[in-house]
Amino acid sequence: MPIAAALIGLSLVSRATMVPLASLEMVLITGFFLVGAVMRILAIYQLGEIGFKFDIAFRKEQKLKTNQLYGYMRHPTYTAMMLVILAYAITTNNWLIGSLGMLVAWFGFQFRISYEEKALEDQFGEEYLFYRTETGMWFPKFGKGTRSNVN
C-alpha cells in the first residue's frame, strides 16, 4: 500500500504543479524510468514463472535464485521499482515532496523485504544465509568477489 500511495501522490503533485521540465530533468526521468522498467521485467523473467509471485510462498520445486541479476543484489525487482519511483519523484519538481514519496515507497519495500527474507531463510536455511552475507540487498556489494552459482 505505501508503494501505491507514493506513486499516486507523486503523480498528483507533478500534475498539480504544472512546472515545465528542463531538458536534464526529462533525460533523468526517461533514463531512470526506462532502466527501472527494463530491469524489473528482466528480473521477473529471470526468476521465471515458478519463482515470481506476488505472495510470499514457495513451490516444492523452487530453488534459490543466486545468478544473473540476483547474483549482484538480492532484490533487483525492488531496486528497479525504486528507480521508477525516482523518475516519478523528479516529475514533482519539489525536493521535499519527491524525497517524501521515495521514503514512503522505500518503507513499503523494506516492510515487504523483512517478511520475504524471513521466508527465504526458513525455506533455504544456510544456503540463503550465505547468499545474504555475500550479496547486497538493494545494490551490489563490491570487493567481496562475485557469486558464480548457476541455479
Protein backbone atom coordinates (compact mmCIF):
# COMPACT_ATOMS: atom_id res chain seq x y z
CA MET A 1 0.00 0.00 0.00
CA PRO A 2 2.78 2.54 0.75
CA ILE A 3 4.24 1.98 -2.73
CA ALA A 4 0.92 2.70 -4.43
CA ALA A 5 0.42 5.75 -2.19
CA ALA A 6 3.88 7.06 -3.14
CA LEU A 7 3.27 6.63 -6.86
CA ILE A 8 -0.19 8.17 -6.76
CA GLY A 9 0.93 11.02 -4.51
CA LEU A 10 3.95 11.83 -6.66
CA SER A 11 1.81 11.73 -9.80
CA LEU A 12 -0.80 14.05 -8.31
CA VAL A 13 1.81 16.56 -7.14
CA SER A 14 3.56 16.56 -10.50
CA ARG A 15 0.24 17.13 -12.31
CA ALA A 16 -0.78 19.91 -9.90
CA THR A 17 2.44 21.89 -10.19
CA MET A 18 2.48 22.20 -13.98
CA VAL A 19 6.09 23.41 -13.80
CA PRO A 20 7.82 22.89 -17.15
CA LEU A 21 10.63 20.35 -17.01
CA ALA A 22 14.17 21.24 -18.01
CA SER A 23 15.95 19.11 -20.60
CA LEU A 24 18.16 17.49 -17.94
CA GLU A 25 15.07 16.59 -15.89
CA MET A 26 13.48 14.96 -18.94
CA VAL A 27 16.63 12.94 -19.60
CA LEU A 28 16.83 11.84 -15.95
CA ILE A 29 13.13 10.96 -15.78
CA THR A 30 13.27 8.99 -19.02
CA GLY A 31 16.53 7.28 -18.09
CA PHE A 32 15.52 6.24 -14.57
CA PHE A 33 12.09 5.09 -15.74
CA LEU A 34 13.44 3.02 -18.65
CA VAL A 35 16.30 1.48 -16.69
CA GLY A 36 13.96 0.64 -13.81
CA ALA A 37 11.22 -0.78 -16.05
CA VAL A 38 13.63 -2.90 -18.13
CA MET A 39 15.48 -4.11 -15.02
CA ARG A 40 12.21 -5.14 -13.33
CA ILE A 41 11.00 -7.03 -16.40
CA LEU A 42 14.39 -8.73 -16.73
CA ALA A 43 14.49 -9.69 -13.03
CA ILE A 44 10.98 -11.16 -13.19
CA TYR A 45 11.84 -13.01 -16.40
CA GLN A 46 15.00 -14.42 -14.79
CA LEU A 47 13.01 -15.76 -11.83
CA GLY A 48 10.63 -17.48 -14.22
CA GLU A 49 7.04 -18.49 -13.65
CA ILE A 50 7.98 -20.84 -10.81
CA GLY A 51 9.85 -18.17 -8.85
CA PHE A 52 7.89 -14.95 -9.37
CA LYS A 53 4.71 -14.37 -7.42
CA PHE A 54 3.08 -11.55 -5.54
CA ASP A 55 2.53 -13.54 -2.36
CA ILE A 56 5.40 -14.88 -0.30
CA ALA A 57 5.10 -18.60 -0.92
CA PHE A 58 7.42 -21.25 -2.32
CA ARG A 59 6.76 -24.12 -4.64
CA LYS A 60 8.23 -27.54 -3.93
CA GLU A 61 10.49 -27.49 -7.00
CA GLN A 62 11.68 -23.91 -6.45
CA LYS A 63 15.39 -23.23 -5.97
CA LEU A 64 17.13 -20.19 -4.54
CA LYS A 65 17.97 -17.80 -7.38
CA THR A 66 21.58 -16.61 -6.97
CA ASN A 67 22.76 -15.86 -10.50
CA GLN A 68 22.11 -13.22 -13.19
CA LEU A 69 20.73 -10.03 -11.58
CA TYR A 70 20.19 -11.97 -8.34
CA GLY A 71 23.93 -12.68 -8.26
CA TYR A 72 24.51 -8.96 -7.81
CA MET A 73 21.66 -8.00 -5.45
CA ARG A 74 19.01 -9.88 -3.51
CA HIS A 75 16.06 -7.71 -4.58
CA PRO A 76 16.58 -6.39 -8.12
CA THR A 77 12.82 -6.05 -8.71
CA TYR A 78 12.54 -3.65 -5.77
CA THR A 79 15.65 -1.73 -6.78
CA ALA A 80 14.14 -1.42 -10.25
CA MET A 81 10.86 -0.13 -8.86
CA MET A 82 12.71 2.44 -6.76
CA LEU A 83 14.32 3.72 -9.97
CA VAL A 84 10.85 4.11 -11.48
CA ILE A 85 9.67 5.88 -8.32
CA LEU A 86 12.73 8.14 -8.50
CA ALA A 87 11.63 9.12 -12.01
CA TYR A 88 8.19 9.99 -10.60
CA ALA A 89 9.83 11.94 -7.75
CA ILE A 90 11.75 14.08 -10.23
CA THR A 91 8.50 14.98 -12.03
CA THR A 92 7.22 16.70 -8.87
CA ASN A 93 9.90 19.38 -9.26
CA ASN A 94 9.96 19.54 -5.46
CA TRP A 95 12.81 18.02 -3.46
CA LEU A 96 10.76 17.72 -0.26
CA ILE A 97 7.74 16.01 -1.86
CA GLY A 98 9.96 13.85 -4.07
CA SER A 99 12.05 12.74 -1.10
CA LEU A 100 8.95 12.04 0.97
CA GLY A 101 7.50 9.90 -1.83
CA MET A 102 10.77 7.98 -2.12
CA LEU A 103 10.87 7.45 1.64
CA VAL A 104 7.28 6.16 1.76
CA ALA A 105 7.98 3.73 -1.10
CA TRP A 106 11.26 2.59 0.48
CA PHE A 107 9.45 1.95 3.77
CA GLY A 108 6.86 -0.18 1.93
CA PHE A 109 9.53 -2.22 0.19
CA GLN A 110 11.56 -2.66 3.39
CA PHE A 111 8.45 -3.90 5.18
CA ARG A 112 7.85 -6.50 2.46
CA ILE A 113 11.54 -7.43 2.30
CA SER A 114 11.62 -8.18 6.03
CA TYR A 115 8.90 -10.82 5.58
CA GLU A 116 10.34 -12.09 2.33
CA GLU A 117 13.83 -12.57 3.76
CA LYS A 118 12.46 -14.41 6.81
CA ALA A 119 10.53 -16.74 4.49
CA LEU A 120 13.62 -17.28 2.31
CA GLU A 121 15.68 -18.11 5.40
CA ASP A 122 13.02 -20.56 6.58
CA GLN A 123 12.82 -22.19 3.13
CA PHE A 124 16.50 -22.32 2.17
CA GLY A 125 18.32 -22.13 5.52
CA GLU A 126 22.11 -21.92 5.45
CA GLU A 127 22.16 -21.51 1.67
CA TYR A 128 20.15 -18.30 1.98
CA LEU A 129 22.13 -17.04 4.97
CA PHE A 130 25.37 -17.40 2.98
CA TYR A 131 23.79 -15.71 -0.06
CA ARG A 132 22.57 -12.86 2.15
CA THR A 133 26.05 -12.23 3.58
CA GLU A 134 27.65 -12.24 0.13
CA THR A 135 25.02 -10.24 -1.80
CA GLY A 136 23.76 -6.70 -1.26
CA MET A 137 20.09 -6.11 -0.57
CA TRP A 138 19.42 -3.10 -2.81
CA PHE A 139 22.77 -2.62 -4.55
CA PRO A 140 25.68 -4.88 -5.49
CA LYS A 141 28.35 -5.49 -2.86
CA PHE A 142 31.73 -4.72 -4.29
CA GLY A 143 35.05 -6.03 -3.04
CA LYS A 144 33.81 -9.43 -1.82
CA GLY A 145 34.16 -11.29 -5.12
CA THR A 146 31.28 -12.25 -7.33
CA ARG A 147 28.91 -15.14 -6.99
CA SER A 148 29.12 -17.70 -9.73
CA ASN A 149 26.34 -20.13 -8.85
CA VAL A 150 24.22 -21.17 -11.79
CA ASN A 151 20.79 -22.09 -10.39
